[in-house]
Amino acid sequence: LKTCALQNAQMPSKRLMSDEEVWLRGAGGDMVITTTIGRRITSHSTPLLLLSDVLHEDRKTFAVMISKTGVARYMTDLLASIELDWVALSRREPDDEQSHVLYSSLMIALSRLALTECGWNTLAELALPEVLAELRVFSNPPKQMFLEPASVKKKGSPAELYVSSFEAVIQLCSAICAKPKWKRLSFKILDVVHSQRELLSQLMRAEISCRMMNATALLVQYIWDNGRNRICSP
């Protein structure tokens, strides 16, 4: 994966065709479609989407390979390095669009990997929740979210792009919680939610309902209901 991404970094980007849209839906669902259809996609993200597709077909074998070859570490390091200008992304600046597609592709691949036993163990060892709580991509939230909270519902706005991207983080945390040993990471997962406390508080005060808020509420409720003994223990 790393070799493929680096060797093909200079290849020209392309527009997605209808058959590619079908394939992307199979690889990662609507989350990646909202960021790629009608936009440019680079070879950096193509191997990641292919990896997601293969994980879907053969989880056990391929997850072991990813874990043993160090690809999982490369993926988490790459995710941690991504930066985005949300205003530029809303204007569809090429560099930011490509970074956003790369981010979405990584989130899809990591979510698929987290649903495997071997992948889950590897991501836990790599401290994935801690990585998610400190992502650079969310270090500079758009001011629009705080001045106009309702803008999170305006498709393609900086606020909507930010919120939908954080929803991918919540979905990844939900995938982590799908495995039996998730309780040992419950505090770290709550730290991920807490990392966006200002945004969540603002949306709650403004009584804004959106998919990200609903997904976050379900995740926190699940942790509380099923990991209460661990959370409440001294």
C-alpha atoms as a PDB file:
ATOM      1  CA  LEU A   1       0.000   0.000   0.000  1.00  0.00           C
ATOM      2  CA  LYS A   2       2.730   2.459   1.015  1.00  0.00           C
ATOM      3  CA  THR A   3       4.839   1.654  -2.048  1.00  0.00           C
ATOM      4  CA  CYS A   4       1.859   1.917  -4.364  1.00  0.00           C
ATOM      5  CA  ALA A   5       0.822   5.286  -2.965  1.00  0.00           C
ATOM      6  CA  LEU A   6       4.285   6.801  -3.103  1.00  0.00           C
ATOM      7  CA  GLN A   7       5.238   5.471  -6.526  1.00  0.00           C
ATOM      8  CA  ASN A   8       2.044   6.698  -8.127  1.00  0.00           C
ATOM      9  CA  ALA A   9       1.853  10.051  -6.365  1.00  0.00           C
ATOM     10  CA  GLN A  10       2.674  11.932  -9.545  1.00  0.00           C
ATOM     11  CA  MET A  11       0.113  10.205 -11.752  1.00  0.00           C
ATOM     12  CA  PRO A  12      -2.590  12.557 -13.045  1.00  0.00           C
ATOM     13  CA  SER A  13      -5.853  12.575 -11.140  1.00  0.00           C
ATOM     14  CA  LYS A  14      -9.132  11.664 -12.822  1.00  0.00           C
ATOM     15  CA  ARG A  15     -12.837  12.205 -12.632  1.00  0.00           C
ATOM     16  CA  LEU A  16     -14.957   9.376 -11.316  1.00  0.00           C
ATOM     17  CA  MET A  17     -17.070   7.562 -13.861  1.00  0.00           C
ATOM     18  CA  SER A  18     -20.387   5.865 -13.126  1.00  0.00           C
ATOM     19  CA  ASP A  19     -18.850   2.392 -12.753  1.00  0.00           C
ATOM     20  CA  GLU A  20     -16.319   3.775 -10.283  1.00  0.00           C
ATOM     21  CA  GLU A  21     -19.151   5.283  -8.255  1.00  0.00           C
ATOM     22  CA  VAL A  22     -20.718   1.836  -7.930  1.00  0.00           C
ATOM     23  CA  TRP A  23     -17.402   0.380  -6.814  1.00  0.00           C
ATOM     24  CA  LEU A  24     -16.830   3.148  -4.276  1.00  0.00           C
ATOM     25  CA  ARG A  25     -20.265   2.591  -2.786  1.00  0.00           C
ATOM     26  CA  GLY A  26     -19.341  -1.032  -2.276  1.00  0.00           C
ATOM     27  CA  ALA A  27     -16.023  -0.081  -0.736  1.00  0.00           C
ATOM     28  CA  GLY A  28     -17.202   2.535   1.685  1.00  0.00           C
ATOM     29  CA  GLY A  29     -20.779   3.661   1.314  1.00  0.00           C
ATOM     30  CA  ASP A  30     -22.163   7.163   1.158  1.00  0.00           C
ATOM     31  CA  MET A  31     -19.427   8.757   3.271  1.00  0.00           C
ATOM     32  CA  VAL A  32     -16.829   8.503   0.515  1.00  0.00           C
ATOM     33  CA  ILE A  33     -19.361   9.188  -2.240  1.00  0.00           C
ATOM     34  CA  THR A  34     -20.143  12.615  -0.795  1.00  0.00           C
ATOM     35  CA  THR A  35     -16.469  13.560  -1.089  1.00  0.00           C
ATOM     36  CA  THR A  36     -15.527  11.984  -4.402  1.00  0.00           C
ATOM     37  CA  ILE A  37     -18.331  12.097  -6.945  1.00  0.00           C
ATOM     38  CA  GLY A  38     -17.616  14.830  -9.463  1.00  0.00           C
ATOM     39  CA  ARG A  39     -14.302  15.593  -7.810  1.00  0.00           C
ATOM     40  CA  ARG A  40     -10.725  14.562  -8.283  1.00  0.00           C
ATOM     41  CA  ILE A  41      -9.371  11.392  -6.725  1.00  0.00           C
ATOM     42  CA  THR A  42      -5.659  10.659  -6.592  1.00  0.00           C
ATOM     43  CA  SER A  43      -3.720   7.424  -6.545  1.00  0.00           C
ATOM     44  CA  HIS A  44      -2.988   8.043  -2.849  1.00  0.00           C
ATOM     45  CA  SER A  45      -6.546   7.093  -1.974  1.00  0.00           C
ATOM     46  CA  THR A  46      -7.096   4.417  -4.612  1.00  0.00           C
ATOM     47  CA  PRO A  47      -4.954   1.766  -2.838  1.00  0.00           C
ATOM     48  CA  LEU A  48      -6.793   2.507   0.402  1.00  0.00           C
ATOM     49  CA  LEU A  49     -10.182   1.977  -1.194  1.00  0.00           C
ATOM     50  CA  LEU A  50      -8.897  -1.209  -2.789  1.00  0.00           C
ATOM     51  CA  LEU A  51      -7.658  -2.334   0.623  1.00  0.00           C
ATOM     52  CA  SER A  52     -11.119  -1.672   2.075  1.00  0.00           C
ATOM     53  CA  ASP A  53     -12.702  -3.724  -0.677  1.00  0.00           C
ATOM     54  CA  VAL A  54     -10.354  -6.666  -0.106  1.00  0.00           C
ATOM     55  CA  LEU A  55     -10.941  -6.498   3.650  1.00  0.00           C
ATOM     56  CA  HIS A  56     -14.641  -6.773   2.957  1.00  0.00           C
ATOM     57  CA  GLU A  57     -14.087  -9.921   0.888  1.00  0.00           C
ATOM     58  CA  ASP A  58     -11.410 -11.645   3.004  1.00  0.00           C
ATOM     59  CA  ARG A  59     -11.162 -10.052   6.427  1.00  0.00           C
ATOM     60  CA  LYS A  60      -9.204 -12.673   8.335  1.00  0.00           C
ATOM     61  CA  THR A  61      -6.359 -13.341   5.891  1.00  0.00           C
ATOM     62  CA  PHE A  62      -5.808  -9.791   4.741  1.00  0.00           C
ATOM     63  CA  ALA A  63      -6.079  -8.237   8.210  1.00  0.00           C
ATOM     64  CA  VAL A  64      -3.213 -10.444   9.393  1.00  0.00           C
ATOM     65  CA  MET A  65      -1.126  -9.370   6.413  1.00  0.00           C
ATOM     66  CA  ILE A  66      -1.819  -5.683   7.052  1.00  0.00           C
ATOM     67  CA  SER A  67      -0.923  -6.018  10.720  1.00  0.00           C
ATOM     68  CA  LYS A  68       2.290  -7.985  10.185  1.00  0.00           C
ATOM     69  CA  THR A  69       3.692  -5.841   7.379  1.00  0.00           C
ATOM     70  CA  GLY A  70       3.347  -2.511   9.178  1.00  0.00           C
ATOM     71  CA  VAL A  71       0.693  -1.122   6.847  1.00  0.00           C
ATOM     72  CA  ALA A  72      -1.626  -0.427   9.780  1.00  0.00           C
ATOM     73  CA  ARG A  73       1.004   1.785  11.408  1.00  0.00           C
ATOM     74  CA  TYR A  74       1.577   3.593   8.129  1.00  0.00           C
ATOM     75  CA  MET A  75      -2.167   4.231   7.871  1.00  0.00           C
ATOM     76  CA  THR A  76      -2.451   5.698  11.374  1.00  0.00           C
ATOM     77  CA  ASP A  77       0.652   7.848  10.855  1.00  0.00           C
ATOM     78  CA  LEU A  78      -0.709   9.082   7.532  1.00  0.00           C
ATOM     79  CA  LEU A  79      -4.071   9.886   9.099  1.00  0.00           C
ATOM     80  CA  ALA A  80      -2.382  11.885  11.862  1.00  0.00           C
ATOM     81  CA  SER A  81      -0.449  13.949   9.306  1.00  0.00           C
ATOM     82  CA  ILE A  82      -3.427  15.172   7.246  1.00  0.00           C
ATOM     83  CA  GLU A  83      -4.332  18.858   7.507  1.00  0.00           C
ATOM     84  CA  LEU A  84      -7.293  20.649   5.948  1.00  0.00           C
ATOM     85  CA  ASP A  85      -8.481  24.177   5.320  1.00  0.00           C
ATOM     86  CA  TRP A  86     -12.243  23.771   5.571  1.00  0.00           C
ATOM     87  CA  VAL A  87     -13.028  27.025   3.793  1.00  0.00           C
ATOM     88  CA  ALA A  88     -10.722  26.057   0.928  1.00  0.00           C
ATOM     89  CA  LEU A  89     -12.329  22.622   0.826  1.00  0.00           C
ATOM     90  CA  SER A  90     -15.783  24.195   0.518  1.00  0.00           C
ATOM     91  CA  ARG A  91     -14.429  26.117  -2.484  1.00  0.00           C
ATOM     92  CA  ARG A  92     -13.214  22.818  -3.923  1.00  0.00           C
ATOM     93  CA  GLU A  93      -9.555  23.738  -3.961  1.00  0.00           C
ATOM     94  CA  PRO A  94      -7.760  20.718  -5.520  1.00  0.00           C
ATOM     95  CA  ASP A  95      -5.180  20.166  -2.770  1.00  0.00           C
ATOM     96  CA  ASP A  96      -7.766  20.213  -0.010  1.00  0.00           C
ATOM     97  CA  GLU A  97     -10.159  18.036  -1.990  1.00  0.00           C
ATOM     98  CA  GLN A  98      -7.431  15.451  -2.440  1.00  0.00           C
ATOM     99  CA  SER A  99      -6.558  15.554   1.261  1.00  0.00           C
ATOM    100  CA  HIS A 100     -10.225  15.121   2.145  1.00  0.00           C
ATOM    101  CA  VAL A 101     -10.607  12.104  -0.139  1.00  0.00           C
ATOM    102  CA  LEU A 102      -7.448  10.624   1.377  1.00  0.00           C
ATOM    103  CA  TYR A 103      -8.849  11.201   4.866  1.00  0.00           C
ATOM    104  CA  SER A 104     -12.174   9.569   3.954  1.00  0.00           C
ATOM    105  CA  SER A 105     -10.407   6.619   2.350  1.00  0.00           C
ATOM    106  CA  LEU A 106      -8.308   6.059   5.454  1.00  0.00           C
ATOM    107  CA  MET A 107     -11.367   6.170   7.696  1.00  0.00           C
ATOM    108  CA  ILE A 108     -13.121   3.556   5.572  1.00  0.00           C
ATOM    109  CA  ALA A 109     -10.094   1.251   5.562  1.00  0.00           C
ATOM    110  CA  LEU A 110      -9.489   1.615   9.306  1.00  0.00           C
ATOM    111  CA  SER A 111     -13.157   0.966  10.079  1.00  0.00           C
ATOM    112  CA  ARG A 112     -13.053  -2.249   8.068  1.00  0.00           C
ATOM    113  CA  LEU A 113      -9.793  -3.237   9.753  1.00  0.00           C
ATOM    114  CA  ALA A 114     -11.197  -2.539  13.231  1.00  0.00           C
ATOM    115  CA  LEU A 115     -13.965  -5.063  12.601  1.00  0.00           C
ATOM    116  CA  THR A 116     -11.415  -7.896  12.403  1.00  0.00           C
ATOM    117  CA  GLU A 117      -9.880  -9.565  15.456  1.00  0.00           C
ATOM    118  CA  CYS A 118      -6.286  -9.155  14.338  1.00  0.00           C
ATOM    119  CA  GLY A 119      -6.876  -5.651  13.030  1.00  0.00           C
ATOM    120  CA  TRP A 120      -8.577  -4.574  16.246  1.00  0.00           C
ATOM    121  CA  ASN A 121      -5.652  -5.792  18.348  1.00  0.00           C
ATOM    122  CA  THR A 122      -3.157  -4.027  16.107  1.00  0.00           C
ATOM    123  CA  LEU A 123      -5.052  -0.730  16.143  1.00  0.00           C
ATOM    124  CA  ALA A 124      -5.361  -0.936  19.929  1.00  0.00           C
ATOM    125  CA  GLU A 125      -1.588  -1.402  20.185  1.00  0.00           C
ATOM    126  CA  LEU A 126      -1.117   1.590  17.896  1.00  0.00           C
ATOM    127  CA  ALA A 127      -3.287   3.670  20.263  1.00  0.00           C
ATOM    128  CA  LEU A 128      -5.772   4.542  17.529  1.00  0.00           C
ATOM    129  CA  PRO A 129      -8.265   6.283  19.872  1.00  0.00           C
ATOM    130  CA  GLU A 130      -5.493   8.590  21.074  1.00  0.00           C
ATOM    131  CA  VAL A 131      -4.625   9.355  17.451  1.00  0.00           C
ATOM    132  CA  LEU A 132      -8.265  10.155  16.699  1.00  0.00           C
ATOM    133  CA  ALA A 133      -8.495  12.500  19.681  1.00  0.00           C
ATOM    134  CA  GLU A 134      -5.587  14.596  18.390  1.00  0.00           C
ATOM    135  CA  LEU A 135      -6.079  14.683  14.633  1.00  0.00           C
ATOM    136  CA  ARG A 136      -4.600  17.748  12.948  1.00  0.00           C
ATOM    137  CA  VAL A 137      -7.465  17.761  10.490  1.00  0.00           C
ATOM    138  CA  PHE A 138      -9.758  19.026  13.269  1.00  0.00           C
ATOM    139  CA  SER A 139      -7.313  21.464  14.851  1.00  0.00           C
ATOM    140  CA  ASN A 140      -8.791  24.531  13.108  1.00  0.00           C
ATOM    141  CA  PRO A 141     -12.588  24.263  12.976  1.00  0.00           C
ATOM    142  CA  PRO A 142     -14.349  26.775  10.723  1.00  0.00           C
ATOM    143  CA  LYS A 143     -15.644  29.848  12.561  1.00  0.00           C
ATOM    144  CA  GLN A 144     -18.903  29.468  10.676  1.00  0.00           C
ATOM    145  CA  MET A 145     -19.918  26.605  12.986  1.00  0.00           C
ATOM    146  CA  PHE A 146     -19.931  28.855  16.015  1.00  0.00           C
ATOM    147  CA  LEU A 147     -21.347  31.973  14.357  1.00  0.00           C
ATOM    148  CA  GLU A 148     -24.027  30.108  12.405  1.00  0.00           C
ATOM    149  CA  PRO A 149     -24.631  26.680  13.981  1.00  0.00           C
ATOM    150  CA  ALA A 150     -27.400  25.902  11.488  1.00  0.00           C
ATOM    151  CA  SER A 151     -24.787  26.002   8.701  1.00  0.00           C
ATOM    152  CA  VAL A 152     -23.832  22.419   9.584  1.00  0.00           C
ATOM    153  CA  LYS A 153     -26.918  21.446   7.581  1.00  0.00           C
ATOM    154  CA  LYS A 154     -25.908  23.432   4.493  1.00  0.00           C
ATOM    155  CA  LYS A 155     -24.444  20.927   2.058  1.00  0.00           C
ATOM    156  CA  GLY A 156     -20.870  21.714   1.076  1.00  0.00           C
ATOM    157  CA  SER A 157     -20.388  24.486   3.633  1.00  0.00           C
ATOM    158  CA  PRO A 158     -17.206  24.505   5.750  1.00  0.00           C
ATOM    159  CA  ALA A 159     -19.269  23.621   8.825  1.00  0.00           C
ATOM    160  CA  GLU A 160     -21.072  20.727   7.121  1.00  0.00           C
ATOM    161  CA  LEU A 161     -17.824  19.311   5.769  1.00  0.00           C
ATOM    162  CA  TYR A 162     -16.215  19.504   9.202  1.00  0.00           C
ATOM    163  CA  VAL A 163     -19.142  17.856  10.976  1.00  0.00           C
ATOM    164  CA  SER A 164     -19.555  15.092   8.400  1.00  0.00           C
ATOM    165  CA  SER A 165     -15.828  14.373   8.595  1.00  0.00           C
ATOM    166  CA  PHE A 166     -15.993  14.051  12.367  1.00  0.00           C
ATOM    167  CA  GLU A 167     -18.964  11.721  11.920  1.00  0.00           C
ATOM    168  CA  ALA A 168     -16.524   9.355  10.204  1.00  0.00           C
ATOM    169  CA  VAL A 169     -14.455   9.371  13.413  1.00  0.00           C
ATOM    170  CA  ILE A 170     -17.527   8.458  15.442  1.00  0.00           C
ATOM    171  CA  GLN A 171     -18.331   5.636  13.024  1.00  0.00           C
ATOM    172  CA  LEU A 172     -14.790   4.308  13.417  1.00  0.00           C
ATOM    173  CA  CYS A 173     -15.167   4.434  17.202  1.00  0.00           C
ATOM    174  CA  SER A 174     -18.429   2.522  16.837  1.00  0.00           C
ATOM    175  CA  ALA A 175     -16.578  -0.125  14.823  1.00  0.00           C
ATOM    176  CA  ILE A 176     -14.037  -0.400  17.634  1.00  0.00           C
ATOM    177  CA  CYS A 177     -16.894  -0.934  20.087  1.00  0.00           C
ATOM    178  CA  ALA A 178     -18.221  -3.813  17.982  1.00  0.00           C
ATOM    179  CA  LYS A 179     -15.482  -6.159  19.228  1.00  0.00           C
ATOM    180  CA  PRO A 180     -15.652  -7.953  22.628  1.00  0.00           C
ATOM    181  CA  LYS A 181     -12.579  -6.235  24.130  1.00  0.00           C
ATOM    182  CA  TRP A 182     -13.782  -2.695  23.466  1.00  0.00           C
ATOM    183  CA  LYS A 183     -14.308  -1.869  27.155  1.00  0.00           C
ATOM    184  CA  ARG A 184     -10.578  -1.561  27.757  1.00  0.00           C
ATOM    185  CA  LEU A 185     -10.637   1.398  25.360  1.00  0.00           C
ATOM    186  CA  SER A 186     -13.850   2.983  26.636  1.00  0.00           C
ATOM    187  CA  PHE A 187     -12.139   5.927  28.353  1.00  0.00           C
ATOM    188  CA  LYS A 188     -10.006   6.624  25.283  1.00  0.00           C
ATOM    189  CA  ILE A 189     -13.063   6.555  23.033  1.00  0.00           C
ATOM    190  CA  LEU A 190     -14.828   9.028  25.302  1.00  0.00           C
ATOM    191  CA  ASP A 191     -11.726  11.224  25.010  1.00  0.00           C
ATOM    192  CA  VAL A 192     -12.297  11.262  21.248  1.00  0.00           C
ATOM    193  CA  VAL A 193     -15.815  12.593  21.806  1.00  0.00           C
ATOM    194  CA  HIS A 194     -14.513  15.067  24.379  1.00  0.00           C
ATOM    195  CA  SER A 195     -12.008  16.432  21.867  1.00  0.00           C
ATOM    196  CA  GLN A 196     -14.961  18.075  20.090  1.00  0.00           C
ATOM    197  CA  ARG A 197     -16.700  19.262  23.254  1.00  0.00           C
ATOM    198  CA  GLU A 198     -16.940  22.889  22.063  1.00  0.00           C
ATOM    199  CA  LEU A 199     -18.627  21.886  18.827  1.00  0.00           C
ATOM    200  CA  LEU A 200     -20.993  19.452  20.533  1.00  0.00           C
ATOM    201  CA  SER A 201     -21.912  21.998  23.197  1.00  0.00           C
ATOM    202  CA  GLN A 202     -22.578  24.670  20.581  1.00  0.00           C
ATOM    203  CA  LEU A 203     -24.863  22.400  18.565  1.00  0.00           C
ATOM    204  CA  MET A 204     -26.732  21.284  21.674  1.00  0.00           C
ATOM    205  CA  ARG A 205     -27.260  24.880  22.793  1.00  0.00           C
ATOM    206  CA  ALA A 206     -28.571  25.760  19.354  1.00  0.00           C
ATOM    207  CA  GLU A 207     -30.723  22.606  19.371  1.00  0.00           C
ATOM    208  CA  ILE A 208     -29.248  21.481  16.063  1.00  0.00           C
ATOM    209  CA  SER A 209     -29.912  17.875  15.123  1.00  0.00           C
ATOM    210  CA  CYS A 210     -27.725  16.151  12.537  1.00  0.00           C
ATOM    211  CA  ARG A 211     -26.349  12.701  11.772  1.00  0.00           C
ATOM    212  CA  MET A 212     -23.098  13.339  13.605  1.00  0.00           C
ATOM    213  CA  MET A 213     -24.919  14.389  16.778  1.00  0.00           C
ATOM    214  CA  ASN A 214     -27.181  11.350  16.606  1.00  0.00           C
ATOM    215  CA  ALA A 215     -24.254   8.989  16.032  1.00  0.00           C
ATOM    216  CA  THR A 216     -22.315  10.550  18.907  1.00  0.00           C
ATOM    217  CA  ALA A 217     -25.274  10.259  21.269  1.00  0.00           C
ATOM    218  CA  LEU A 218     -25.738   6.595  20.361  1.00  0.00           C
ATOM    219  CA  LEU A 219     -22.036   5.872  20.897  1.00  0.00           C
ATOM    220  CA  VAL A 220     -21.909   7.546  24.310  1.00  0.00           C
ATOM    221  CA  GLN A 221     -25.144   5.853  25.364  1.00  0.00           C
ATOM    222  CA  TYR A 222     -23.794   2.463  24.281  1.00  0.00           C
ATOM    223  CA  ILE A 223     -20.598   2.951  26.283  1.00  0.00           C
ATOM    224  CA  TRP A 224     -22.585   4.076  29.326  1.00  0.00           C
ATOM    225  CA  ASP A 225     -25.077   1.211  29.145  1.00  0.00           C
ATOM    226  CA  ASN A 226     -22.553  -1.544  28.455  1.00  0.00           C
ATOM    227  CA  GLY A 227     -19.399  -0.304  30.137  1.00  0.00           C
ATOM    228  CA  ARG A 228     -20.934   1.318  33.207  1.00  0.00           C
ATOM    229  CA  ASN A 229     -19.029  -0.810  35.726  1.00  0.00           C
ATOM    230  CA  ARG A 230     -15.698   0.141  34.208  1.00  0.00           C
ATOM    231  CA  ILE A 231     -16.606   3.822  33.883  1.00  0.00           C
ATOM    232  CA  CYS A 232     -17.990   4.101  37.397  1.00  0.00           C
ATOM    233  CA  SER A 233     -15.217   2.118  39.094  1.00  0.00           C
ATOM    234  CA  PRO A 234     -12.824   4.151  41.271  1.00  0.00           C
END
